[in-house]
Amino acid sequence: MKVKFRVTKDGTSLYAGDHDVVDANSFGKACAEVWRKLRQQQMAKETSIGALIEHLDSGVLDQLSGARISLERP
């Protein structure tokens, strides 16, 4: 079934996207895709390679800490 993943934090949308979820494996793949997209956004925002390396390990976790993750049928 198609589901819309939404990740918001403090009223700001961090991610929204449609995914096919039919079992635990496809749900895990959808979550991994959300993680990949957030990491990609983080990499695009960094101003230098030093800043990127410094924030690479904790950046996505910091973004998701306190975030709201919701699933909806489109």
PDB file of N, CA and C in Angstrom:
ATOM      1  N   MET A   1       0.834  -1.164   0.000  1.00  0.00           N
ATOM      2  CA  MET A   1       0.000   0.000   0.000  1.00  0.00           C
ATOM      3  C   MET A   1       0.884   1.234   0.000  1.00  0.00           C
ATOM      4  N   LYS A   2       0.427   2.254  -0.630  1.00  0.00           N
ATOM      5  CA  LYS A   2       1.140   3.530  -0.657  1.00  0.00           C
ATOM      6  C   LYS A   2       0.916   4.250   0.669  1.00  0.00           C
ATOM      7  N   VAL A   3       2.001   4.788   1.219  1.00  0.00           N
ATOM      8  CA  VAL A   3       1.907   5.623   2.413  1.00  0.00           C
ATOM      9  C   VAL A   3       2.755   6.869   2.202  1.00  0.00           C
ATOM     10  N   LYS A   4       2.344   7.939   2.831  1.00  0.00           N
ATOM     11  CA  LYS A   4       3.107   9.179   2.801  1.00  0.00           C
ATOM     12  C   LYS A   4       3.830   9.306   4.130  1.00  0.00           C
ATOM     13  N   PHE A   5       5.145   9.341   4.075  1.00  0.00           N
ATOM     14  CA  PHE A   5       5.969   9.596   5.256  1.00  0.00           C
ATOM     15  C   PHE A   5       6.118  11.093   5.389  1.00  0.00           C
ATOM     16  N   ARG A   6       5.943  11.587   6.590  1.00  0.00           N
ATOM     17  CA  ARG A   6       6.192  12.999   6.881  1.00  0.00           C
ATOM     18  C   ARG A   6       7.048  13.071   8.133  1.00  0.00           C
ATOM     19  N   VAL A   7       8.067  13.900   8.081  1.00  0.00           N
ATOM     20  CA  VAL A   7       8.904  14.158   9.239  1.00  0.00           C
ATOM     21  C   VAL A   7       8.872  15.663   9.473  1.00  0.00           C
ATOM     22  N   THR A   8       8.407  16.062  10.649  1.00  0.00           N
ATOM     23  CA  THR A   8       8.340  17.479  10.989  1.00  0.00           C
ATOM     24  C   THR A   8       9.001  17.704  12.341  1.00  0.00           C
ATOM     25  N   LYS A   9       9.532  18.899  12.508  1.00  0.00           N
ATOM     26  CA  LYS A   9      10.133  19.276  13.777  1.00  0.00           C
ATOM     27  C   LYS A   9       9.883  20.747  13.999  1.00  0.00           C
ATOM     28  N   ASP A  10       9.299  21.058  15.138  1.00  0.00           N
ATOM     29  CA  ASP A  10       8.982  22.446  15.491  1.00  0.00           C
ATOM     30  C   ASP A  10       8.185  23.145  14.393  1.00  0.00           C
ATOM     31  N   GLY A  11       7.247  22.417  13.786  1.00  0.00           N
ATOM     32  CA  GLY A  11       6.386  22.982  12.759  1.00  0.00           C
ATOM     33  C   GLY A  11       7.020  23.093  11.384  1.00  0.00           C
ATOM     34  N   THR A  12       8.263  22.642  11.240  1.00  0.00           N
ATOM     35  CA  THR A  12       8.960  22.706   9.959  1.00  0.00           C
ATOM     36  C   THR A  12       9.033  21.313   9.348  1.00  0.00           C
ATOM     37  N   SER A  13       8.697  21.205   8.065  1.00  0.00           N
ATOM     38  CA  SER A  13       8.770  19.925   7.376  1.00  0.00           C
ATOM     39  C   SER A  13      10.220  19.606   7.027  1.00  0.00           C
ATOM     40  N   LEU A  14      10.702  18.457   7.501  1.00  0.00           N
ATOM     41  CA  LEU A  14      12.050  18.002   7.157  1.00  0.00           C
ATOM     42  C   LEU A  14      12.021  17.063   5.959  1.00  0.00           C
ATOM     43  N   TYR A  15      10.908  16.327   5.814  1.00  0.00           N
ATOM     44  CA  TYR A  15      10.798  15.362   4.717  1.00  0.00           C
ATOM     45  C   TYR A  15       9.331  15.021   4.502  1.00  0.00           C
ATOM     46  N   ALA A  16       8.960  14.808   3.258  1.00  0.00           N
ATOM     47  CA  ALA A  16       7.648  14.271   2.888  1.00  0.00           C
ATOM     48  C   ALA A  16       7.830  13.490   1.596  1.00  0.00           C
ATOM     49  N   GLY A  17       7.332  12.260   1.587  1.00  0.00           N
ATOM     50  CA  GLY A  17       7.464  11.459   0.380  1.00  0.00           C
ATOM     51  C   GLY A  17       6.576  10.235   0.424  1.00  0.00           C
ATOM     52  N   ASP A  18       6.191   9.735  -0.745  1.00  0.00           N
ATOM     53  CA  ASP A  18       5.347   8.550  -0.862  1.00  0.00           C
ATOM     54  C   ASP A  18       6.219   7.304  -1.006  1.00  0.00           C
ATOM     55  N   HIS A  19       5.793   6.227  -0.332  1.00  0.00           N
ATOM     56  CA  HIS A  19       6.528   4.963  -0.379  1.00  0.00           C
ATOM     57  C   HIS A  19       5.528   3.815  -0.443  1.00  0.00           C
ATOM     58  N   ASP A  20       5.944   2.709  -1.050  1.00  0.00           N
ATOM     59  CA  ASP A  20       5.155   1.476  -1.047  1.00  0.00           C
ATOM     60  C   ASP A  20       5.579   0.651   0.163  1.00  0.00           C
ATOM     61  N   VAL A  21       4.641   0.380   1.058  1.00  0.00           N
ATOM     62  CA  VAL A  21       4.923  -0.411   2.247  1.00  0.00           C
ATOM     63  C   VAL A  21       3.939  -1.574   2.292  1.00  0.00           C
ATOM     64  N   VAL A  22       4.493  -2.794   2.249  1.00  0.00           N
ATOM     65  CA  VAL A  22       3.645  -3.987   2.292  1.00  0.00           C
ATOM     66  C   VAL A  22       4.046  -4.948   3.401  1.00  0.00           C
ATOM     67  N   ASP A  23       5.276  -4.776   3.935  1.00  0.00           N
ATOM     68  CA  ASP A  23       5.762  -5.661   4.988  1.00  0.00           C
ATOM     69  C   ASP A  23       6.882  -4.956   5.755  1.00  0.00           C
ATOM     70  N   ALA A  24       7.468  -5.668   6.722  1.00  0.00           N
ATOM     71  CA  ALA A  24       8.527  -5.080   7.548  1.00  0.00           C
ATOM     72  C   ALA A  24       9.735  -4.675   6.708  1.00  0.00           C
ATOM     73  N   ASN A  25      10.072  -5.472   5.699  1.00  0.00           N
ATOM     74  CA  ASN A  25      11.218  -5.170   4.857  1.00  0.00           C
ATOM     75  C   ASN A  25      11.014  -3.872   4.070  1.00  0.00           C
ATOM     76  N   SER A  26       9.861  -3.711   3.467  1.00  0.00           N
ATOM     77  CA  SER A  26       9.608  -2.492   2.682  1.00  0.00           C
ATOM     78  C   SER A  26       9.460  -1.277   3.595  1.00  0.00           C
ATOM     79  N   PHE A  27       8.981  -1.470   4.827  1.00  0.00           N
ATOM     80  CA  PHE A  27       8.912  -0.369   5.798  1.00  0.00           C
ATOM     81  C   PHE A  27      10.335   0.068   6.171  1.00  0.00           C
ATOM     82  N   GLY A  28      11.224  -0.902   6.395  1.00  0.00           N
ATOM     83  CA  GLY A  28      12.619  -0.591   6.705  1.00  0.00           C
ATOM     84  C   GLY A  28      13.301   0.145   5.572  1.00  0.00           C
ATOM     85  N   LYS A  29      13.016  -0.265   4.332  1.00  0.00           N
ATOM     86  CA  LYS A  29      13.592   0.412   3.168  1.00  0.00           C
ATOM     87  C   LYS A  29      13.087   1.852   3.068  1.00  0.00           C
ATOM     88  N   ALA A  30      11.820   2.062   3.381  1.00  0.00           N
ATOM     89  CA  ALA A  30      11.260   3.418   3.352  1.00  0.00           C
ATOM     90  C   ALA A  30      11.935   4.291   4.407  1.00  0.00           C
ATOM     91  N   CYS A  31      12.145   3.738   5.601  1.00  0.00           N
ATOM     92  CA  CYS A  31      12.823   4.491   6.661  1.00  0.00           C
ATOM     93  C   CYS A  31      14.261   4.811   6.258  1.00  0.00           C
ATOM     94  N   ALA A  32      14.932   3.868   5.631  1.00  0.00           N
ATOM     95  CA  ALA A  32      16.308   4.092   5.166  1.00  0.00           C
ATOM     96  C   ALA A  32      16.350   5.188   4.105  1.00  0.00           C
ATOM     97  N   GLU A  33      15.346   5.236   3.246  1.00  0.00           N
ATOM     98  CA  GLU A  33      15.275   6.281   2.223  1.00  0.00           C
ATOM     99  C   GLU A  33      15.093   7.652   2.870  1.00  0.00           C
ATOM    100  N   VAL A  34      14.266   7.729   3.911  1.00  0.00           N
ATOM    101  CA  VAL A  34      14.085   8.992   4.641  1.00  0.00           C
ATOM    102  C   VAL A  34      15.429   9.426   5.221  1.00  0.00           C
ATOM    103  N   TRP A  35      16.140   8.502   5.856  1.00  0.00           N
ATOM    104  CA  TRP A  35      17.455   8.800   6.437  1.00  0.00           C
ATOM    105  C   TRP A  35      18.418   9.309   5.354  1.00  0.00           C
ATOM    106  N   ARG A  36      18.435   8.619   4.213  1.00  0.00           N
ATOM    107  CA  ARG A  36      19.330   9.009   3.120  1.00  0.00           C
ATOM    108  C   ARG A  36      19.030  10.418   2.619  1.00  0.00           C
ATOM    109  N   LYS A  37      17.749  10.724   2.475  1.00  0.00           N
ATOM    110  CA  LYS A  37      17.350  12.063   1.996  1.00  0.00           C
ATOM    111  C   LYS A  37      17.750  13.142   2.998  1.00  0.00           C
ATOM    112  N   LEU A  38      17.555  12.886   4.295  1.00  0.00           N
ATOM    113  CA  LEU A  38      17.938  13.869   5.307  1.00  0.00           C
ATOM    114  C   LEU A  38      19.450  14.068   5.321  1.00  0.00           C
ATOM    115  N   ARG A  39      20.202  12.989   5.171  1.00  0.00           N
ATOM    116  CA  ARG A  39      21.668  13.097   5.129  1.00  0.00           C
ATOM    117  C   ARG A  39      22.096  13.880   3.887  1.00  0.00           C
ATOM    118  N   GLN A  40      21.438  13.630   2.765  1.00  0.00           N
ATOM    119  CA  GLN A  40      21.750  14.339   1.526  1.00  0.00           C
ATOM    120  C   GLN A  40      21.486  15.841   1.687  1.00  0.00           C
ATOM    121  N   GLN A  41      20.370  16.199   2.339  1.00  0.00           N
ATOM    122  CA  GLN A  41      20.068  17.603   2.596  1.00  0.00           C
ATOM    123  C   GLN A  41      21.129  18.231   3.485  1.00  0.00           C
ATOM    124  N   GLN A  42      21.562  17.487   4.505  1.00  0.00           N
ATOM    125  CA  GLN A  42      22.589  17.976   5.410  1.00  0.00           C
ATOM    126  C   GLN A  42      23.895  18.243   4.656  1.00  0.00           C
ATOM    127  N   MET A  43      24.279  17.324   3.800  1.00  0.00           N
ATOM    128  CA  MET A  43      25.520  17.475   3.043  1.00  0.00           C
ATOM    129  C   MET A  43      25.460  18.701   2.136  1.00  0.00           C
ATOM    130  N   ALA A  44      24.312  18.981   1.574  1.00  0.00           N
ATOM    131  CA  ALA A  44      24.171  20.135   0.680  1.00  0.00           C
ATOM    132  C   ALA A  44      24.266  21.457   1.433  1.00  0.00           C
ATOM    133  N   LYS A  45      23.927  21.452   2.730  1.00  0.00           N
ATOM    134  CA  LYS A  45      23.933  22.687   3.519  1.00  0.00           C
ATOM    135  C   LYS A  45      25.312  23.045   4.083  1.00  0.00           C
ATOM    136  N   GLU A  46      26.192  22.069   4.240  1.00  0.00           N
ATOM    137  CA  GLU A  46      27.491  22.331   4.861  1.00  0.00           C
ATOM    138  C   GLU A  46      28.331  23.260   3.994  1.00  0.00           C
ATOM    139  N   THR A  47      29.076  24.140   4.653  1.00  0.00           N
ATOM    140  CA  THR A  47      29.856  25.148   3.942  1.00  0.00           C
ATOM    141  C   THR A  47      31.275  24.715   3.623  1.00  0.00           C
ATOM    142  N   SER A  48      31.743  23.653   4.286  1.00  0.00           N
ATOM    143  CA  SER A  48      33.105  23.177   4.018  1.00  0.00           C
ATOM    144  C   SER A  48      33.177  21.681   4.290  1.00  0.00           C
ATOM    145  N   ILE A  49      34.221  21.054   3.779  1.00  0.00           N
ATOM    146  CA  ILE A  49      34.394  19.620   4.003  1.00  0.00           C
ATOM    147  C   ILE A  49      34.667  19.345   5.477  1.00  0.00           C
ATOM    148  N   GLY A  50      35.350  20.246   6.160  1.00  0.00           N
ATOM    149  CA  GLY A  50      35.606  20.081   7.593  1.00  0.00           C
ATOM    150  C   GLY A  50      34.316  20.082   8.395  1.00  0.00           C
ATOM    151  N   ALA A  51      33.419  20.998   8.084  1.00  0.00           N
ATOM    152  CA  ALA A  51      32.122  21.057   8.769  1.00  0.00           C
ATOM    153  C   ALA A  51      31.311  19.806   8.468  1.00  0.00           C
ATOM    154  N   LEU A  52      31.379  19.334   7.243  1.00  0.00           N
ATOM    155  CA  LEU A  52      30.650  18.122   6.868  1.00  0.00           C
ATOM    156  C   LEU A  52      31.141  16.923   7.675  1.00  0.00           C
ATOM    157  N   ILE A  53      32.429  16.740   7.745  1.00  0.00           N
ATOM    158  CA  ILE A  53      32.989  15.603   8.485  1.00  0.00           C
ATOM    159  C   ILE A  53      32.643  15.715   9.966  1.00  0.00           C
ATOM    160  N   GLU A  54      32.680  16.914  10.508  1.00  0.00           N
ATOM    161  CA  GLU A  54      32.371  17.116  11.922  1.00  0.00           C
ATOM    162  C   GLU A  54      30.930  16.760  12.254  1.00  0.00           C
ATOM    163  N   HIS A  55      30.008  17.039  11.351  1.00  0.00           N
ATOM    164  CA  HIS A  55      28.580  16.834  11.613  1.00  0.00           C
ATOM    165  C   HIS A  55      28.016  15.561  11.010  1.00  0.00           C
ATOM    166  N   LEU A  56      28.783  14.842  10.217  1.00  0.00           N
ATOM    167  CA  LEU A  56      28.261  13.702   9.477  1.00  0.00           C
ATOM    168  C   LEU A  56      27.684  12.612  10.381  1.00  0.00           C
ATOM    169  N   ASP A  57      28.356  12.287  11.469  1.00  0.00           N
ATOM    170  CA  ASP A  57      27.887  11.210  12.339  1.00  0.00           C
ATOM    171  C   ASP A  57      26.631  11.571  13.116  1.00  0.00           C
ATOM    172  N   SER A  58      26.531  12.800  13.577  1.00  0.00           N
ATOM    173  CA  SER A  58      25.415  13.153  14.456  1.00  0.00           C
ATOM    174  C   SER A  58      24.348  14.010  13.793  1.00  0.00           C
ATOM    175  N   GLY A  59      24.581  14.495  12.603  1.00  0.00           N
ATOM    176  CA  GLY A  59      23.675  15.446  11.974  1.00  0.00           C
ATOM    177  C   GLY A  59      22.245  14.967  11.819  1.00  0.00           C
ATOM    178  N   VAL A  60      22.047  13.781  11.269  1.00  0.00           N
ATOM    179  CA  VAL A  60      20.691  13.276  11.041  1.00  0.00           C
ATOM    180  C   VAL A  60      20.027  12.944  12.374  1.00  0.00           C
ATOM    181  N   LEU A  61      20.785  12.369  13.302  1.00  0.00           N
ATOM    182  CA  LEU A  61      20.216  12.077  14.623  1.00  0.00           C
ATOM    183  C   LEU A  61      19.773  13.360  15.317  1.00  0.00           C
ATOM    184  N   ASP A  62      20.583  14.409  15.212  1.00  0.00           N
ATOM    185  CA  ASP A  62      20.203  15.692  15.802  1.00  0.00           C
ATOM    186  C   ASP A  62      18.929  16.228  15.161  1.00  0.00           C
ATOM    187  N   GLN A  63      18.810  16.077  13.855  1.00  0.00           N
ATOM    188  CA  GLN A  63      17.602  16.531  13.161  1.00  0.00           C
ATOM    189  C   GLN A  63      16.384  15.758  13.620  1.00  0.00           C
ATOM    190  N   LEU A  64      16.521  14.460  13.804  1.00  0.00           N
ATOM    191  CA  LEU A  64      15.379  13.614  14.151  1.00  0.00           C
ATOM    192  C   LEU A  64      15.033  13.645  15.641  1.00  0.00           C
ATOM    193  N   SER A  65      15.958  14.080  16.477  1.00  0.00           N
ATOM    194  CA  SER A  65      15.681  14.150  17.909  1.00  0.00           C
ATOM    195  C   SER A  65      14.554  15.151  18.163  1.00  0.00           C
ATOM    196  N   GLY A  66      13.455  14.661  18.697  1.00  0.00           N
ATOM    197  CA  GLY A  66      12.295  15.508  18.954  1.00  0.00           C
ATOM    198  C   GLY A  66      11.383  15.711  17.755  1.00  0.00           C
ATOM    199  N   ALA A  67      11.709  15.077  16.634  1.00  0.00           N
ATOM    200  CA  ALA A  67      10.889  15.222  15.426  1.00  0.00           C
ATOM    201  C   ALA A  67       9.661  14.323  15.515  1.00  0.00           C
ATOM    202  N   ARG A  68       8.671  14.657  14.737  1.00  0.00           N
ATOM    203  CA  ARG A  68       7.443  13.853  14.644  1.00  0.00           C
ATOM    204  C   ARG A  68       7.448  13.149  13.297  1.00  0.00           C
ATOM    205  N   ILE A  69       7.299  11.846  13.342  1.00  0.00           N
ATOM    206  CA  ILE A  69       7.247  11.034  12.123  1.00  0.00           C
ATOM    207  C   ILE A  69       5.830  10.502  11.991  1.00  0.00           C
ATOM    208  N   SER A  70       5.188  10.784  10.881  1.00  0.00           N
ATOM    209  CA  SER A  70       3.816  10.327  10.687  1.00  0.00           C
ATOM    210  C   SER A  70       3.684   9.605   9.353  1.00  0.00           C
ATOM    211  N   LEU A  71       2.733   8.687   9.304  1.00  0.00           N
ATOM    212  CA  LEU A  71       2.400   7.931   8.095  1.00  0.00           C
ATOM    213  C   LEU A  71       0.937   8.157   7.780  1.00  0.00           C
ATOM    214  N   GLU A  72       0.657   8.410   6.517  1.00  0.00           N
ATOM    215  CA  GLU A  72      -0.722   8.628   6.082  1.00  0.00           C
ATOM    216  C   GLU A  72      -0.935   7.911   4.760  1.00  0.00           C
ATOM    217  N   ARG A  73      -2.139   7.522   4.533  1.00  0.00           N
ATOM    218  CA  ARG A  73      -2.501   7.011   3.201  1.00  0.00           C
ATOM    219  C   ARG A  73      -2.789   8.221   2.322  1.00  0.00           C
ATOM    220  N   PRO A  74      -2.148   8.259   1.143  1.00  0.00           N
ATOM    221  CA  PRO A  74      -2.402   9.427   0.257  1.00  0.00           C
ATOM    222  C   PRO A  74      -3.795   9.427  -0.319  1.00  0.00           C
TER     223      PRO A  74
END
